[in-house]
Amino acid sequence: MDHVHASHPEIIKRLRRAHGHLAGVIAMIEEGRPCVDLAQQLQAVESAIANAKRTLIEDHMEHCIGDGVADGGKSAKAALAEFKALAKYL
């Protein structure tokens, strides 16, 4: 892997947990559980995924964009373009 951050193992853990949680929601639907319970559990899955995404983006902005500019590895223009590309996922 050539693009690994210190946060990636934690993000993987969160996504695996969300994956298991989503499988549980699917089972709940198949069991005919109440819609309110399903909506609550889907909200929890959605929140877990959103938190993983936020962590990934924040880490990338800090380490890839911020450190890259500070070290002279990226021009301000390139860093701004990369930030704009990420911003649509916030």
N, C-alpha and C. Protein backbone atom coordinates (compact mmCIF):
# COMPACT_ATOMS: atom_id res chain seq x y z
N MET A 1 0.85 -1.18 0.00
CA MET A 1 0.00 0.00 0.00
C MET A 1 0.89 1.24 0.00
N ASP A 2 0.67 2.14 -0.91
CA ASP A 2 1.51 3.31 -0.92
C ASP A 2 0.85 4.54 -0.32
N HIS A 3 -0.41 4.46 0.01
CA HIS A 3 -1.07 5.64 0.58
C HIS A 3 -1.79 5.25 1.87
N VAL A 4 -1.03 5.15 2.95
CA VAL A 4 -1.58 4.72 4.23
C VAL A 4 -1.35 5.82 5.26
N HIS A 5 -2.39 6.12 6.00
CA HIS A 5 -2.32 7.10 7.08
C HIS A 5 -2.43 6.38 8.41
N ALA A 6 -2.01 7.02 9.45
CA ALA A 6 -2.12 6.43 10.80
C ALA A 6 -3.57 6.16 11.17
N SER A 7 -4.49 6.94 10.61
CA SER A 7 -5.92 6.78 10.94
C SER A 7 -6.59 5.62 10.21
N HIS A 8 -5.96 5.09 9.17
CA HIS A 8 -6.60 4.05 8.36
C HIS A 8 -7.00 2.80 9.14
N PRO A 9 -6.17 2.26 10.03
CA PRO A 9 -6.61 1.08 10.79
C PRO A 9 -7.88 1.35 11.62
N GLU A 10 -7.96 2.52 12.22
CA GLU A 10 -9.15 2.87 13.00
C GLU A 10 -10.36 3.03 12.09
N ILE A 11 -10.17 3.62 10.93
CA ILE A 11 -11.27 3.79 9.97
C ILE A 11 -11.75 2.42 9.50
N ILE A 12 -10.83 1.52 9.23
CA ILE A 12 -11.20 0.16 8.82
C ILE A 12 -12.02 -0.51 9.91
N LYS A 13 -11.59 -0.34 11.16
CA LYS A 13 -12.33 -0.92 12.29
C LYS A 13 -13.76 -0.38 12.34
N ARG A 14 -13.89 0.93 12.18
CA ARG A 14 -15.22 1.56 12.21
C ARG A 14 -16.10 1.05 11.07
N LEU A 15 -15.52 0.94 9.88
CA LEU A 15 -16.30 0.49 8.73
C LEU A 15 -16.69 -0.98 8.85
N ARG A 16 -15.83 -1.79 9.41
CA ARG A 16 -16.19 -3.19 9.64
C ARG A 16 -17.33 -3.30 10.65
N ARG A 17 -17.28 -2.47 11.68
CA ARG A 17 -18.34 -2.44 12.66
C ARG A 17 -19.66 -2.02 12.00
N ALA A 18 -19.59 -0.98 11.16
CA ALA A 18 -20.78 -0.50 10.45
C ALA A 18 -21.30 -1.58 9.50
N HIS A 19 -20.38 -2.31 8.86
CA HIS A 19 -20.75 -3.39 7.96
C HIS A 19 -21.55 -4.46 8.72
N GLY A 20 -21.07 -4.84 9.89
CA GLY A 20 -21.77 -5.82 10.72
C GLY A 20 -23.11 -5.29 11.19
N HIS A 21 -23.14 -4.04 11.55
CA HIS A 21 -24.38 -3.41 11.99
C HIS A 21 -25.40 -3.40 10.86
N LEU A 22 -24.95 -3.08 9.65
CA LEU A 22 -25.84 -3.06 8.49
C LEU A 22 -26.39 -4.47 8.22
N ALA A 23 -25.55 -5.48 8.36
CA ALA A 23 -26.02 -6.86 8.20
C ALA A 23 -27.12 -7.17 9.22
N GLY A 24 -26.95 -6.63 10.43
CA GLY A 24 -27.97 -6.82 11.46
C GLY A 24 -29.28 -6.13 11.09
N VAL A 25 -29.20 -4.97 10.48
CA VAL A 25 -30.40 -4.25 10.05
C VAL A 25 -31.12 -5.04 8.96
N ILE A 26 -30.35 -5.59 8.03
CA ILE A 26 -30.96 -6.41 6.97
C ILE A 26 -31.70 -7.59 7.59
N ALA A 27 -31.08 -8.23 8.58
CA ALA A 27 -31.74 -9.34 9.27
C ALA A 27 -33.00 -8.87 9.98
N MET A 28 -32.96 -7.68 10.55
CA MET A 28 -34.14 -7.12 11.21
C MET A 28 -35.28 -6.93 10.22
N ILE A 29 -34.95 -6.45 9.02
CA ILE A 29 -35.98 -6.26 7.98
C ILE A 29 -36.58 -7.61 7.60
N GLU A 30 -35.72 -8.59 7.42
CA GLU A 30 -36.19 -9.93 7.06
C GLU A 30 -37.06 -10.54 8.15
N GLU A 31 -36.81 -10.17 9.40
CA GLU A 31 -37.60 -10.66 10.53
C GLU A 31 -38.92 -9.92 10.68
N GLY A 32 -39.07 -8.82 9.96
CA GLY A 32 -40.30 -8.04 10.05
C GLY A 32 -40.35 -7.12 11.26
N ARG A 33 -39.20 -6.65 11.70
CA ARG A 33 -39.15 -5.75 12.86
C ARG A 33 -39.82 -4.42 12.55
N PRO A 34 -40.26 -3.70 13.57
CA PRO A 34 -40.96 -2.42 13.36
C PRO A 34 -40.07 -1.39 12.63
N CYS A 35 -40.73 -0.61 11.80
CA CYS A 35 -40.03 0.39 11.00
C CYS A 35 -39.29 1.42 11.84
N VAL A 36 -39.82 1.77 12.99
CA VAL A 36 -39.14 2.74 13.86
C VAL A 36 -37.80 2.17 14.32
N ASP A 37 -37.79 0.89 14.67
CA ASP A 37 -36.53 0.25 15.08
C ASP A 37 -35.55 0.22 13.92
N LEU A 38 -36.05 -0.08 12.73
CA LEU A 38 -35.19 -0.12 11.54
C LEU A 38 -34.59 1.25 11.24
N ALA A 39 -35.44 2.27 11.30
CA ALA A 39 -34.96 3.62 11.02
C ALA A 39 -33.89 4.04 12.03
N GLN A 40 -34.10 3.69 13.28
CA GLN A 40 -33.12 4.02 14.32
C GLN A 40 -31.78 3.34 14.04
N GLN A 41 -31.82 2.08 13.68
CA GLN A 41 -30.58 1.34 13.41
C GLN A 41 -29.91 1.82 12.13
N LEU A 42 -30.69 2.17 11.12
CA LEU A 42 -30.12 2.71 9.89
C LEU A 42 -29.46 4.06 10.15
N GLN A 43 -30.05 4.85 11.05
CA GLN A 43 -29.43 6.12 11.43
C GLN A 43 -28.08 5.89 12.08
N ALA A 44 -27.98 4.86 12.91
CA ALA A 44 -26.72 4.54 13.57
C ALA A 44 -25.66 4.11 12.55
N VAL A 45 -26.06 3.32 11.55
CA VAL A 45 -25.13 2.90 10.50
C VAL A 45 -24.67 4.12 9.70
N GLU A 46 -25.63 4.96 9.33
CA GLU A 46 -25.30 6.17 8.57
C GLU A 46 -24.34 7.07 9.33
N SER A 47 -24.56 7.22 10.62
CA SER A 47 -23.70 8.04 11.46
C SER A 47 -22.28 7.46 11.54
N ALA A 48 -22.19 6.15 11.67
CA ALA A 48 -20.88 5.50 11.75
C ALA A 48 -20.09 5.71 10.46
N ILE A 49 -20.76 5.60 9.33
CA ILE A 49 -20.09 5.79 8.04
C ILE A 49 -19.69 7.25 7.87
N ALA A 50 -20.57 8.17 8.26
CA ALA A 50 -20.26 9.60 8.16
C ALA A 50 -19.06 9.96 9.03
N ASN A 51 -18.97 9.37 10.22
CA ASN A 51 -17.83 9.64 11.09
C ASN A 51 -16.53 9.09 10.50
N ALA A 52 -16.60 7.92 9.89
CA ALA A 52 -15.41 7.35 9.25
C ALA A 52 -14.96 8.23 8.09
N LYS A 53 -15.91 8.71 7.31
CA LYS A 53 -15.58 9.59 6.19
C LYS A 53 -14.97 10.89 6.68
N ARG A 54 -15.54 11.46 7.73
CA ARG A 54 -15.02 12.72 8.27
C ARG A 54 -13.59 12.54 8.76
N THR A 55 -13.32 11.45 9.45
CA THR A 55 -11.98 11.18 9.94
C THR A 55 -11.00 11.05 8.78
N LEU A 56 -11.40 10.34 7.74
CA LEU A 56 -10.54 10.16 6.57
C LEU A 56 -10.22 11.50 5.91
N ILE A 57 -11.24 12.32 5.71
CA ILE A 57 -11.05 13.61 5.03
C ILE A 57 -10.21 14.55 5.89
N GLU A 58 -10.51 14.62 7.18
CA GLU A 58 -9.73 15.50 8.06
C GLU A 58 -8.26 15.08 8.10
N ASP A 59 -8.02 13.78 8.17
CA ASP A 59 -6.65 13.28 8.20
C ASP A 59 -5.94 13.61 6.88
N HIS A 60 -6.64 13.44 5.79
CA HIS A 60 -6.03 13.75 4.49
C HIS A 60 -5.71 15.24 4.38
N MET A 61 -6.65 16.08 4.82
CA MET A 61 -6.41 17.52 4.73
C MET A 61 -5.20 17.92 5.58
N GLU A 62 -5.11 17.34 6.75
CA GLU A 62 -4.00 17.69 7.65
C GLU A 62 -2.66 17.17 7.14
N HIS A 63 -2.62 15.90 6.77
CA HIS A 63 -1.34 15.29 6.44
C HIS A 63 -0.94 15.39 4.98
N CYS A 64 -1.87 15.19 4.09
CA CYS A 64 -1.49 15.23 2.67
C CYS A 64 -1.46 16.65 2.12
N ILE A 65 -2.49 17.40 2.43
CA ILE A 65 -2.54 18.76 1.91
C ILE A 65 -1.69 19.69 2.77
N GLY A 66 -1.96 19.72 4.07
CA GLY A 66 -1.25 20.63 4.96
C GLY A 66 0.23 20.39 5.01
N ASP A 67 0.63 19.15 5.28
CA ASP A 67 2.06 18.84 5.36
C ASP A 67 2.74 18.99 4.01
N GLY A 68 2.01 18.65 2.94
CA GLY A 68 2.58 18.78 1.60
C GLY A 68 2.93 20.21 1.26
N VAL A 69 2.07 21.14 1.64
CA VAL A 69 2.33 22.56 1.39
C VAL A 69 3.45 23.04 2.31
N ALA A 70 3.39 22.64 3.58
CA ALA A 70 4.40 23.08 4.55
C ALA A 70 5.80 22.59 4.17
N ASP A 71 5.88 21.38 3.62
CA ASP A 71 7.17 20.82 3.23
C ASP A 71 7.62 21.26 1.85
N GLY A 72 6.81 22.04 1.18
CA GLY A 72 7.15 22.49 -0.15
C GLY A 72 6.85 21.47 -1.24
N GLY A 73 6.15 20.40 -0.87
CA GLY A 73 5.84 19.36 -1.84
C GLY A 73 4.68 19.70 -2.75
N LYS A 74 3.86 20.63 -2.34
CA LYS A 74 2.71 21.02 -3.16
C LYS A 74 2.67 22.53 -3.26
N SER A 75 2.25 22.98 -4.40
CA SER A 75 2.04 24.41 -4.54
C SER A 75 0.71 24.75 -3.87
N ALA A 76 0.54 25.99 -3.52
CA ALA A 76 -0.72 26.43 -2.91
C ALA A 76 -1.87 26.18 -3.88
N LYS A 77 -1.62 26.35 -5.15
CA LYS A 77 -2.65 26.15 -6.16
C LYS A 77 -3.07 24.67 -6.21
N ALA A 78 -2.11 23.76 -6.19
CA ALA A 78 -2.41 22.32 -6.20
C ALA A 78 -3.14 21.92 -4.93
N ALA A 79 -2.72 22.46 -3.79
CA ALA A 79 -3.37 22.15 -2.52
C ALA A 79 -4.81 22.64 -2.51
N LEU A 80 -5.05 23.83 -3.05
CA LEU A 80 -6.40 24.38 -3.12
C LEU A 80 -7.28 23.52 -4.03
N ALA A 81 -6.76 23.08 -5.14
CA ALA A 81 -7.52 22.23 -6.05
C ALA A 81 -7.88 20.91 -5.36
N GLU A 82 -6.95 20.35 -4.62
CA GLU A 82 -7.21 19.10 -3.91
C GLU A 82 -8.25 19.31 -2.82
N PHE A 83 -8.16 20.43 -2.11
CA PHE A 83 -9.14 20.75 -1.07
C PHE A 83 -10.53 20.90 -1.67
N LYS A 84 -10.62 21.57 -2.82
CA LYS A 84 -11.93 21.75 -3.48
C LYS A 84 -12.51 20.40 -3.89
N ALA A 85 -11.66 19.50 -4.35
CA ALA A 85 -12.13 18.16 -4.72
C ALA A 85 -12.67 17.43 -3.52
N LEU A 86 -12.04 17.58 -2.37
CA LEU A 86 -12.50 16.93 -1.14
C LEU A 86 -13.75 17.58 -0.58
N ALA A 87 -13.89 18.88 -0.75
CA ALA A 87 -14.98 19.63 -0.14
C ALA A 87 -16.35 19.11 -0.55
N LYS A 88 -16.46 18.57 -1.74
CA LYS A 88 -17.77 18.08 -2.17
C LYS A 88 -18.22 16.85 -1.38
N TYR A 89 -17.30 16.23 -0.65
CA TYR A 89 -17.64 15.06 0.15
C TYR A 89 -17.89 15.38 1.61
N LEU A 90 -17.75 16.63 1.98
CA LEU A 90 -17.97 17.03 3.37
C LEU A 90 -19.44 17.10 3.70
